[in-house]
Amino acid sequence: MSSNPEFKHIQEYLDKGAIILDVRTDAEFDEGHVKEALHIVLDDLEDEIAQVKALEKPIITCCRSGARSERAKDILKDKGIDAINGGPWQNVDAYI
């Protein structure tokens, strides 16, 4: 498991009813993902902010390596959404 300090908050966020948001491409998502994850490709996230806000839940972002999910977290936080970067989707899946 990576040393990203946000990773220690994954269980805390899941306990708060967080939604897992996978921001990988369609092809990557189809190869495997966290069950029940919401899938919005990073490039489409700005256009889908209203959908994410409407969930009224904290968000755990994930991707393949953690880089895109970090960008997604920053986008969400800039829009007033409580979000953390969960890193690689397999990392988040280990908590499910």
PDB file of N, CA and C in Angstrom:
ATOM      1  N   MET A   1       0.837  -1.176   0.000  1.00  0.00           N
ATOM      2  CA  MET A   1       0.000   0.000   0.000  1.00  0.00           C
ATOM      3  C   MET A   1       0.882   1.239   0.000  1.00  0.00           C
ATOM      4  N   SER A   2       0.459   2.239  -0.711  1.00  0.00           N
ATOM      5  CA  SER A   2       1.267   3.447  -0.864  1.00  0.00           C
ATOM      6  C   SER A   2       1.300   4.245   0.424  1.00  0.00           C
ATOM      7  N   SER A   3       2.206   5.203   0.455  1.00  0.00           N
ATOM      8  CA  SER A   3       2.347   6.030   1.643  1.00  0.00           C
ATOM      9  C   SER A   3       1.506   7.298   1.569  1.00  0.00           C
ATOM     10  N   ASN A   4       0.620   7.407   0.586  1.00  0.00           N
ATOM     11  CA  ASN A   4      -0.242   8.579   0.479  1.00  0.00           C
ATOM     12  C   ASN A   4      -1.035   8.738   1.773  1.00  0.00           C
ATOM     13  N   PRO A   5      -0.943   9.884   2.436  1.00  0.00           N
ATOM     14  CA  PRO A   5      -1.631  10.052   3.721  1.00  0.00           C
ATOM     15  C   PRO A   5      -3.143   9.945   3.630  1.00  0.00           C
ATOM     16  N   GLU A   6      -3.709  10.193   2.452  1.00  0.00           N
ATOM     17  CA  GLU A   6      -5.160  10.084   2.325  1.00  0.00           C
ATOM     18  C   GLU A   6      -5.636   8.645   2.396  1.00  0.00           C
ATOM     19  N   PHE A   7      -4.783   7.685   2.045  1.00  0.00           N
ATOM     20  CA  PHE A   7      -5.209   6.293   2.024  1.00  0.00           C
ATOM     21  C   PHE A   7      -5.709   5.840   3.389  1.00  0.00           C
ATOM     22  N   LYS A   8      -5.146   6.389   4.457  1.00  0.00           N
ATOM     23  CA  LYS A   8      -5.572   5.973   5.789  1.00  0.00           C
ATOM     24  C   LYS A   8      -7.006   6.400   6.083  1.00  0.00           C
ATOM     25  N   HIS A   9      -7.543   7.297   5.265  1.00  0.00           N
ATOM     26  CA  HIS A   9      -8.907   7.786   5.479  1.00  0.00           C
ATOM     27  C   HIS A   9      -9.949   7.013   4.673  1.00  0.00           C
ATOM     28  N   ILE A  10      -9.523   6.059   3.860  1.00  0.00           N
ATOM     29  CA  ILE A  10     -10.480   5.337   3.016  1.00  0.00           C
ATOM     30  C   ILE A  10     -11.562   4.673   3.860  1.00  0.00           C
ATOM     31  N   GLN A  11     -11.187   3.940   4.888  1.00  0.00           N
ATOM     32  CA  GLN A  11     -12.199   3.263   5.705  1.00  0.00           C
ATOM     33  C   GLN A  11     -13.112   4.267   6.393  1.00  0.00           C
ATOM     34  N   GLU A  12     -12.527   5.349   6.870  1.00  0.00           N
ATOM     35  CA  GLU A  12     -13.322   6.407   7.521  1.00  0.00           C
ATOM     36  C   GLU A  12     -14.367   6.955   6.540  1.00  0.00           C
ATOM     37  N   TYR A  13     -13.947   7.198   5.311  1.00  0.00           N
ATOM     38  CA  TYR A  13     -14.882   7.710   4.304  1.00  0.00           C
ATOM     39  C   TYR A  13     -15.930   6.670   3.940  1.00  0.00           C
ATOM     40  N   LEU A  14     -15.546   5.413   3.820  1.00  0.00           N
ATOM     41  CA  LEU A  14     -16.530   4.364   3.540  1.00  0.00           C
ATOM     42  C   LEU A  14     -17.550   4.277   4.667  1.00  0.00           C
ATOM     43  N   ASP A  15     -17.092   4.427   5.895  1.00  0.00           N
ATOM     44  CA  ASP A  15     -17.997   4.385   7.042  1.00  0.00           C
ATOM     45  C   ASP A  15     -18.994   5.544   7.013  1.00  0.00           C
ATOM     46  N   LYS A  16     -18.615   6.650   6.350  1.00  0.00           N
ATOM     47  CA  LYS A  16     -19.503   7.806   6.209  1.00  0.00           C
ATOM     48  C   LYS A  16     -20.416   7.679   4.990  1.00  0.00           C
ATOM     49  N   GLY A  17     -20.342   6.534   4.303  1.00  0.00           N
ATOM     50  CA  GLY A  17     -21.194   6.311   3.139  1.00  0.00           C
ATOM     51  C   GLY A  17     -20.650   6.877   1.845  1.00  0.00           C
ATOM     52  N   ALA A  18     -19.328   7.020   1.768  1.00  0.00           N
ATOM     53  CA  ALA A  18     -18.711   7.606   0.583  1.00  0.00           C
ATOM     54  C   ALA A  18     -19.004   6.806  -0.681  1.00  0.00           C
ATOM     55  N   ILE A  19     -19.061   7.536  -1.776  1.00  0.00           N
ATOM     56  CA  ILE A  19     -19.196   6.954  -3.109  1.00  0.00           C
ATOM     57  C   ILE A  19     -17.792   6.813  -3.694  1.00  0.00           C
ATOM     58  N   ILE A  20     -17.520   5.681  -4.308  1.00  0.00           N
ATOM     59  CA  ILE A  20     -16.240   5.472  -4.982  1.00  0.00           C
ATOM     60  C   ILE A  20     -16.406   5.922  -6.431  1.00  0.00           C
ATOM     61  N   LEU A  21     -15.546   6.836  -6.844  1.00  0.00           N
ATOM     62  CA  LEU A  21     -15.590   7.385  -8.197  1.00  0.00           C
ATOM     63  C   LEU A  21     -14.341   6.956  -8.951  1.00  0.00           C
ATOM     64  N   ASP A  22     -14.539   6.139  -9.975  1.00  0.00           N
ATOM     65  CA  ASP A  22     -13.444   5.656 -10.820  1.00  0.00           C
ATOM     66  C   ASP A  22     -13.368   6.568 -12.041  1.00  0.00           C
ATOM     67  N   VAL A  23     -12.199   7.183 -12.268  1.00  0.00           N
ATOM     68  CA  VAL A  23     -12.060   8.161 -13.347  1.00  0.00           C
ATOM     69  C   VAL A  23     -11.225   7.647 -14.525  1.00  0.00           C
ATOM     70  N   ARG A  24     -11.040   6.330 -14.608  1.00  0.00           N
ATOM     71  CA  ARG A  24     -10.278   5.743 -15.715  1.00  0.00           C
ATOM     72  C   ARG A  24     -11.111   5.725 -16.994  1.00  0.00           C
ATOM     73  N   THR A  25     -10.465   5.350 -18.091  1.00  0.00           N
ATOM     74  CA  THR A  25     -11.163   5.233 -19.374  1.00  0.00           C
ATOM     75  C   THR A  25     -12.164   4.082 -19.325  1.00  0.00           C
ATOM     76  N   ASP A  26     -13.067   4.069 -20.293  1.00  0.00           N
ATOM     77  CA  ASP A  26     -14.048   2.986 -20.377  1.00  0.00           C
ATOM     78  C   ASP A  26     -13.358   1.633 -20.476  1.00  0.00           C
ATOM     79  N   ALA A  27     -12.322   1.547 -21.316  1.00  0.00           N
ATOM     80  CA  ALA A  27     -11.623   0.273 -21.505  1.00  0.00           C
ATOM     81  C   ALA A  27     -10.973  -0.192 -20.207  1.00  0.00           C
ATOM     82  N   GLU A  28     -10.334   0.725 -19.500  1.00  0.00           N
ATOM     83  CA  GLU A  28      -9.703   0.362 -18.217  1.00  0.00           C
ATOM     84  C   GLU A  28     -10.745  -0.102 -17.216  1.00  0.00           C
ATOM     85  N   PHE A  29     -11.869   0.613 -17.150  1.00  0.00           N
ATOM     86  CA  PHE A  29     -12.940   0.270 -16.213  1.00  0.00           C
ATOM     87  C   PHE A  29     -13.489  -1.115 -16.515  1.00  0.00           C
ATOM     88  N   ASP A  30     -13.654  -1.403 -17.803  1.00  0.00           N
ATOM     89  CA  ASP A  30     -14.196  -2.703 -18.215  1.00  0.00           C
ATOM     90  C   ASP A  30     -13.267  -3.859 -17.862  1.00  0.00           C
ATOM     91  N   GLU A  31     -11.974  -3.586 -17.711  1.00  0.00           N
ATOM     92  CA  GLU A  31     -11.012  -4.633 -17.344  1.00  0.00           C
ATOM     93  C   GLU A  31     -11.118  -5.029 -15.877  1.00  0.00           C
ATOM     94  N   GLY A  32     -11.738  -4.191 -15.067  1.00  0.00           N
ATOM     95  CA  GLY A  32     -11.907  -4.477 -13.649  1.00  0.00           C
ATOM     96  C   GLY A  32     -12.112  -3.193 -12.883  1.00  0.00           C
ATOM     97  N   HIS A  33     -12.949  -3.253 -11.848  1.00  0.00           N
ATOM     98  CA  HIS A  33     -13.233  -2.061 -11.052  1.00  0.00           C
ATOM     99  C   HIS A  33     -13.844  -2.461  -9.714  1.00  0.00           C
ATOM    100  N   VAL A  34     -13.937  -1.496  -8.831  1.00  0.00           N
ATOM    101  CA  VAL A  34     -14.583  -1.710  -7.538  1.00  0.00           C
ATOM    102  C   VAL A  34     -16.081  -1.875  -7.796  1.00  0.00           C
ATOM    103  N   LYS A  35     -16.653  -2.927  -7.226  1.00  0.00           N
ATOM    104  CA  LYS A  35     -18.089  -3.162  -7.367  1.00  0.00           C
ATOM    105  C   LYS A  35     -18.832  -1.940  -6.835  1.00  0.00           C
ATOM    106  N   GLU A  36     -19.858  -1.527  -7.538  1.00  0.00           N
ATOM    107  CA  GLU A  36     -20.680  -0.376  -7.167  1.00  0.00           C
ATOM    108  C   GLU A  36     -20.018   0.971  -7.414  1.00  0.00           C
ATOM    109  N   ALA A  37     -18.824   1.000  -7.992  1.00  0.00           N
ATOM    110  CA  ALA A  37     -18.157   2.287  -8.243  1.00  0.00           C
ATOM    111  C   ALA A  37     -18.914   3.083  -9.307  1.00  0.00           C
ATOM    112  N   LEU A  38     -18.974   4.381  -9.087  1.00  0.00           N
ATOM    113  CA  LEU A  38     -19.487   5.298 -10.095  1.00  0.00           C
ATOM    114  C   LEU A  38     -18.352   5.532 -11.085  1.00  0.00           C
ATOM    115  N   HIS A  39     -18.654   5.468 -12.364  1.00  0.00           N
ATOM    116  CA  HIS A  39     -17.608   5.619 -13.378  1.00  0.00           C
ATOM    117  C   HIS A  39     -17.855   6.890 -14.186  1.00  0.00           C
ATOM    118  N   ILE A  40     -16.957   7.845 -14.041  1.00  0.00           N
ATOM    119  CA  ILE A  40     -16.962   9.055 -14.862  1.00  0.00           C
ATOM    120  C   ILE A  40     -15.518   9.274 -15.302  1.00  0.00           C
ATOM    121  N   VAL A  41     -15.282   9.237 -16.600  1.00  0.00           N
ATOM    122  CA  VAL A  41     -13.938   9.439 -17.135  1.00  0.00           C
ATOM    123  C   VAL A  41     -13.462  10.841 -16.728  1.00  0.00           C
ATOM    124  N   LEU A  42     -12.209  10.948 -16.315  1.00  0.00           N
ATOM    125  CA  LEU A  42     -11.674  12.217 -15.827  1.00  0.00           C
ATOM    126  C   LEU A  42     -11.973  13.378 -16.767  1.00  0.00           C
ATOM    127  N   ASP A  43     -11.807  13.166 -18.061  1.00  0.00           N
ATOM    128  CA  ASP A  43     -12.033  14.244 -19.023  1.00  0.00           C
ATOM    129  C   ASP A  43     -13.484  14.740 -19.022  1.00  0.00           C
ATOM    130  N   ASP A  44     -14.415  13.934 -18.510  1.00  0.00           N
ATOM    131  CA  ASP A  44     -15.831  14.304 -18.479  1.00  0.00           C
ATOM    132  C   ASP A  44     -16.265  14.833 -17.115  1.00  0.00           C
ATOM    133  N   LEU A  45     -15.387  14.798 -16.132  1.00  0.00           N
ATOM    134  CA  LEU A  45     -15.782  15.093 -14.756  1.00  0.00           C
ATOM    135  C   LEU A  45     -16.347  16.503 -14.589  1.00  0.00           C
ATOM    136  N   GLU A  46     -15.703  17.491 -15.189  1.00  0.00           N
ATOM    137  CA  GLU A  46     -16.195  18.876 -15.055  1.00  0.00           C
ATOM    138  C   GLU A  46     -17.653  18.984 -15.516  1.00  0.00           C
ATOM    139  N   ASP A  47     -18.021  18.238 -16.573  1.00  0.00           N
ATOM    140  CA  ASP A  47     -19.385  18.280 -17.107  1.00  0.00           C
ATOM    141  C   ASP A  47     -20.376  17.505 -16.239  1.00  0.00           C
ATOM    142  N   GLU A  48     -19.876  16.676 -15.345  1.00  0.00           N
ATOM    143  CA  GLU A  48     -20.731  15.816 -14.517  1.00  0.00           C
ATOM    144  C   GLU A  48     -20.764  16.247 -13.044  1.00  0.00           C
ATOM    145  N   ILE A  49     -20.237  17.424 -12.742  1.00  0.00           N
ATOM    146  CA  ILE A  49     -20.177  17.877 -11.347  1.00  0.00           C
ATOM    147  C   ILE A  49     -21.565  17.903 -10.705  1.00  0.00           C
ATOM    148  N   ALA A  50     -22.568  18.348 -11.431  1.00  0.00           N
ATOM    149  CA  ALA A  50     -23.926  18.403 -10.875  1.00  0.00           C
ATOM    150  C   ALA A  50     -24.391  17.013 -10.444  1.00  0.00           C
ATOM    151  N   GLN A  51     -24.084  16.003 -11.246  1.00  0.00           N
ATOM    152  CA  GLN A  51     -24.462  14.623 -10.909  1.00  0.00           C
ATOM    153  C   GLN A  51     -23.777  14.191  -9.615  1.00  0.00           C
ATOM    154  N   VAL A  52     -22.497  14.516  -9.494  1.00  0.00           N
ATOM    155  CA  VAL A  52     -21.751  14.123  -8.298  1.00  0.00           C
ATOM    156  C   VAL A  52     -22.260  14.884  -7.069  1.00  0.00           C
ATOM    157  N   LYS A  53     -22.500  16.178  -7.222  1.00  0.00           N
ATOM    158  CA  LYS A  53     -23.024  16.981  -6.104  1.00  0.00           C
ATOM    159  C   LYS A  53     -24.370  16.460  -5.640  1.00  0.00           C
ATOM    160  N   ALA A  54     -25.196  16.022  -6.588  1.00  0.00           N
ATOM    161  CA  ALA A  54     -26.542  15.540  -6.262  1.00  0.00           C
ATOM    162  C   ALA A  54     -26.518  14.300  -5.380  1.00  0.00           C
ATOM    163  N   LEU A  55     -25.412  13.572  -5.375  1.00  0.00           N
ATOM    164  CA  LEU A  55     -25.297  12.377  -4.534  1.00  0.00           C
ATOM    165  C   LEU A  55     -25.272  12.751  -3.051  1.00  0.00           C
ATOM    166  N   GLU A  56     -24.791  13.971  -2.759  1.00  0.00           N
ATOM    167  CA  GLU A  56     -24.696  14.468  -1.381  1.00  0.00           C
ATOM    168  C   GLU A  56     -23.967  13.489  -0.470  1.00  0.00           C
ATOM    169  N   LYS A  57     -22.870  12.951  -0.971  1.00  0.00           N
ATOM    170  CA  LYS A  57     -22.031  12.000  -0.230  1.00  0.00           C
ATOM    171  C   LYS A  57     -20.576  12.391  -0.409  1.00  0.00           C
ATOM    172  N   PRO A  58     -19.723  12.001   0.552  1.00  0.00           N
ATOM    173  CA  PRO A  58     -18.289  12.179   0.307  1.00  0.00           C
ATOM    174  C   PRO A  58     -17.850  11.243  -0.818  1.00  0.00           C
ATOM    175  N   ILE A  59     -16.738  11.585  -1.455  1.00  0.00           N
ATOM    176  CA  ILE A  59     -16.265  10.841  -2.621  1.00  0.00           C
ATOM    177  C   ILE A  59     -14.846  10.330  -2.375  1.00  0.00           C
ATOM    178  N   ILE A  60     -14.609   9.081  -2.795  1.00  0.00           N
ATOM    179  CA  ILE A  60     -13.258   8.511  -2.833  1.00  0.00           C
ATOM    180  C   ILE A  60     -12.940   8.306  -4.308  1.00  0.00           C
ATOM    181  N   THR A  61     -11.957   9.039  -4.821  1.00  0.00           N
ATOM    182  CA  THR A  61     -11.592   8.886  -6.226  1.00  0.00           C
ATOM    183  C   THR A  61     -10.570   7.765  -6.380  1.00  0.00           C
ATOM    184  N   CYS A  62     -10.593   7.097  -7.534  1.00  0.00           N
ATOM    185  CA  CYS A  62      -9.591   6.073  -7.826  1.00  0.00           C
ATOM    186  C   CYS A  62      -9.363   6.008  -9.330  1.00  0.00           C
ATOM    187  N   CYS A  63      -8.219   5.450  -9.700  1.00  0.00           N
ATOM    188  CA  CYS A  63      -7.874   5.279 -11.116  1.00  0.00           C
ATOM    189  C   CYS A  63      -6.916   4.102 -11.222  1.00  0.00           C
ATOM    190  N   ARG A  64      -5.937   4.181 -12.114  1.00  0.00           N
ATOM    191  CA  ARG A  64      -4.986   3.084 -12.275  1.00  0.00           C
ATOM    192  C   ARG A  64      -3.798   3.243 -11.339  1.00  0.00           C
ATOM    193  N   SER A  65      -3.237   4.453 -11.278  1.00  0.00           N
ATOM    194  CA  SER A  65      -2.023   4.646 -10.468  1.00  0.00           C
ATOM    195  C   SER A  65      -2.189   5.636  -9.328  1.00  0.00           C
ATOM    196  N   GLY A  66      -3.202   6.475  -9.393  1.00  0.00           N
ATOM    197  CA  GLY A  66      -3.414   7.496  -8.376  1.00  0.00           C
ATOM    198  C   GLY A  66      -3.245   8.915  -8.895  1.00  0.00           C
ATOM    199  N   ALA A  67      -2.673   9.069 -10.093  1.00  0.00           N
ATOM    200  CA  ALA A  67      -2.443  10.414 -10.641  1.00  0.00           C
ATOM    201  C   ALA A  67      -3.746  11.069 -11.106  1.00  0.00           C
ATOM    202  N   ARG A  68      -4.527  10.357 -11.896  1.00  0.00           N
ATOM    203  CA  ARG A  68      -5.797  10.930 -12.368  1.00  0.00           C
ATOM    204  C   ARG A  68      -6.777  11.108 -11.224  1.00  0.00           C
ATOM    205  N   SER A  69      -6.763  10.187 -10.267  1.00  0.00           N
ATOM    206  CA  SER A  69      -7.672  10.334  -9.132  1.00  0.00           C
ATOM    207  C   SER A  69      -7.285  11.525  -8.262  1.00  0.00           C
ATOM    208  N   GLU A  70      -6.003  11.871  -8.234  1.00  0.00           N
ATOM    209  CA  GLU A  70      -5.568  13.079  -7.522  1.00  0.00           C
ATOM    210  C   GLU A  70      -6.125  14.321  -8.219  1.00  0.00           C
ATOM    211  N   ARG A  71      -6.074  14.350  -9.539  1.00  0.00           N
ATOM    212  CA  ARG A  71      -6.643  15.478 -10.279  1.00  0.00           C
ATOM    213  C   ARG A  71      -8.159  15.544 -10.075  1.00  0.00           C
ATOM    214  N   ALA A  72      -8.810  14.384 -10.089  1.00  0.00           N
ATOM    215  CA  ALA A  72     -10.258  14.344  -9.883  1.00  0.00           C
ATOM    216  C   ALA A  72     -10.615  14.866  -8.492  1.00  0.00           C
ATOM    217  N   LYS A  73      -9.855  14.449  -7.486  1.00  0.00           N
ATOM    218  CA  LYS A  73     -10.092  14.933  -6.118  1.00  0.00           C
ATOM    219  C   LYS A  73      -9.987  16.447  -6.071  1.00  0.00           C
ATOM    220  N   ASP A  74      -8.963  16.994  -6.704  1.00  0.00           N
ATOM    221  CA  ASP A  74      -8.777  18.445  -6.711  1.00  0.00           C
ATOM    222  C   ASP A  74      -9.951  19.155  -7.389  1.00  0.00           C
ATOM    223  N   ILE A  75     -10.434  18.614  -8.494  1.00  0.00           N
ATOM    224  CA  ILE A  75     -11.588  19.190  -9.194  1.00  0.00           C
ATOM    225  C   ILE A  75     -12.803  19.192  -8.269  1.00  0.00           C
ATOM    226  N   LEU A  76     -13.058  18.050  -7.622  1.00  0.00           N
ATOM    227  CA  LEU A  76     -14.220  17.941  -6.743  1.00  0.00           C
ATOM    228  C   LEU A  76     -14.119  18.906  -5.560  1.00  0.00           C
ATOM    229  N   LYS A  77     -12.955  18.956  -4.938  1.00  0.00           N
ATOM    230  CA  LYS A  77     -12.774  19.850  -3.797  1.00  0.00           C
ATOM    231  C   LYS A  77     -12.957  21.311  -4.208  1.00  0.00           C
ATOM    232  N   ASP A  78     -12.485  21.660  -5.409  1.00  0.00           N
ATOM    233  CA  ASP A  78     -12.664  23.030  -5.915  1.00  0.00           C
ATOM    234  C   ASP A  78     -14.142  23.372  -6.085  1.00  0.00           C
ATOM    235  N   LYS A  79     -14.975  22.347  -6.268  1.00  0.00           N
ATOM    236  CA  LYS A  79     -16.417  22.547  -6.440  1.00  0.00           C
ATOM    237  C   LYS A  79     -17.172  22.356  -5.122  1.00  0.00           C
ATOM    238  N   GLY A  80     -16.438  22.255  -4.019  1.00  0.00           N
ATOM    239  CA  GLY A  80     -17.073  22.158  -2.710  1.00  0.00           C
ATOM    240  C   GLY A  80     -17.519  20.765  -2.313  1.00  0.00           C
ATOM    241  N   ILE A  81     -16.997  19.748  -2.969  1.00  0.00           N
ATOM    242  CA  ILE A  81     -17.360  18.360  -2.673  1.00  0.00           C
ATOM    243  C   ILE A  81     -16.275  17.751  -1.798  1.00  0.00           C
ATOM    244  N   ASP A  82     -16.680  17.081  -0.723  1.00  0.00           N
ATOM    245  CA  ASP A  82     -15.759  16.407   0.183  1.00  0.00           C
ATOM    246  C   ASP A  82     -15.203  15.177  -0.530  1.00  0.00           C
ATOM    247  N   ALA A  83     -13.901  15.182  -0.809  1.00  0.00           N
ATOM    248  CA  ALA A  83     -13.304  14.091  -1.593  1.00  0.00           C
ATOM    249  C   ALA A  83     -11.887  13.803  -1.126  1.00  0.00           C
ATOM    250  N   ILE A  84     -11.506  12.525  -1.241  1.00  0.00           N
ATOM    251  CA  ILE A  84     -10.118  12.111  -1.016  1.00  0.00           C
ATOM    252  C   ILE A  84      -9.679  11.250  -2.192  1.00  0.00           C
ATOM    253  N   ASN A  85      -8.381  11.171  -2.378  1.00  0.00           N
ATOM    254  CA  ASN A  85      -7.802  10.327  -3.418  1.00  0.00           C
ATOM    255  C   ASN A  85      -7.540   8.947  -2.831  1.00  0.00           C
ATOM    256  N   GLY A  86      -8.230   7.937  -3.367  1.00  0.00           N
ATOM    257  CA  GLY A  86      -8.018   6.573  -2.915  1.00  0.00           C
ATOM    258  C   GLY A  86      -6.895   5.859  -3.648  1.00  0.00           C
ATOM    259  N   GLY A  87      -6.360   6.506  -4.690  1.00  0.00           N
ATOM    260  CA  GLY A  87      -5.253   5.916  -5.439  1.00  0.00           C
ATOM    261  C   GLY A  87      -5.723   4.864  -6.422  1.00  0.00           C
ATOM    262  N   PRO A  88      -4.904   3.833  -6.628  1.00  0.00           N
ATOM    263  CA  PRO A  88      -5.281   2.769  -7.566  1.00  0.00           C
ATOM    264  C   PRO A  88      -6.582   2.081  -7.134  1.00  0.00           C
ATOM    265  N   TRP A  89      -7.396   1.696  -8.108  1.00  0.00           N
ATOM    266  CA  TRP A  89      -8.693   1.105  -7.763  1.00  0.00           C
ATOM    267  C   TRP A  89      -8.543  -0.157  -6.928  1.00  0.00           C
ATOM    268  N   GLN A  90      -7.453  -0.908  -7.150  1.00  0.00           N
ATOM    269  CA  GLN A  90      -7.258  -2.132  -6.370  1.00  0.00           C
ATOM    270  C   GLN A  90      -7.032  -1.795  -4.889  1.00  0.00           C
ATOM    271  N   ASN A  91      -6.405  -0.653  -4.637  1.00  0.00           N
ATOM    272  CA  ASN A  91      -6.184  -0.206  -3.271  1.00  0.00           C
ATOM    273  C   ASN A  91      -7.537   0.036  -2.575  1.00  0.00           C
ATOM    274  N   VAL A  92      -8.432   0.717  -3.256  1.00  0.00           N
ATOM    275  CA  VAL A  92      -9.757   0.992  -2.687  1.00  0.00           C
ATOM    276  C   VAL A  92     -10.527  -0.318  -2.549  1.00  0.00           C
ATOM    277  N   ASP A  93     -10.434  -1.183  -3.557  1.00  0.00           N
ATOM    278  CA  ASP A  93     -11.162  -2.444  -3.542  1.00  0.00           C
ATOM    279  C   ASP A  93     -10.782  -3.311  -2.335  1.00  0.00           C
ATOM    280  N   ALA A  94      -9.556  -3.163  -1.853  1.00  0.00           N
ATOM    281  CA  ALA A  94      -9.116  -3.941  -0.704  1.00  0.00           C
ATOM    282  C   ALA A  94      -9.915  -3.602   0.560  1.00  0.00           C
ATOM    283  N   TYR A  95     -10.561  -2.457   0.574  1.00  0.00           N
ATOM    284  CA  TYR A  95     -11.358  -2.041   1.734  1.00  0.00           C
ATOM    285  C   TYR A  95     -12.797  -2.487   1.643  1.00  0.00           C
ATOM    286  N   ILE A  96     -13.194  -2.988   0.482  1.00  0.00           N
ATOM    287  CA  ILE A  96     -14.610  -3.352   0.264  1.00  0.00           C
ATOM    288  C   ILE A  96     -14.868  -4.775   0.713  1.00  0.00           C
TER     289      ILE A  96
END
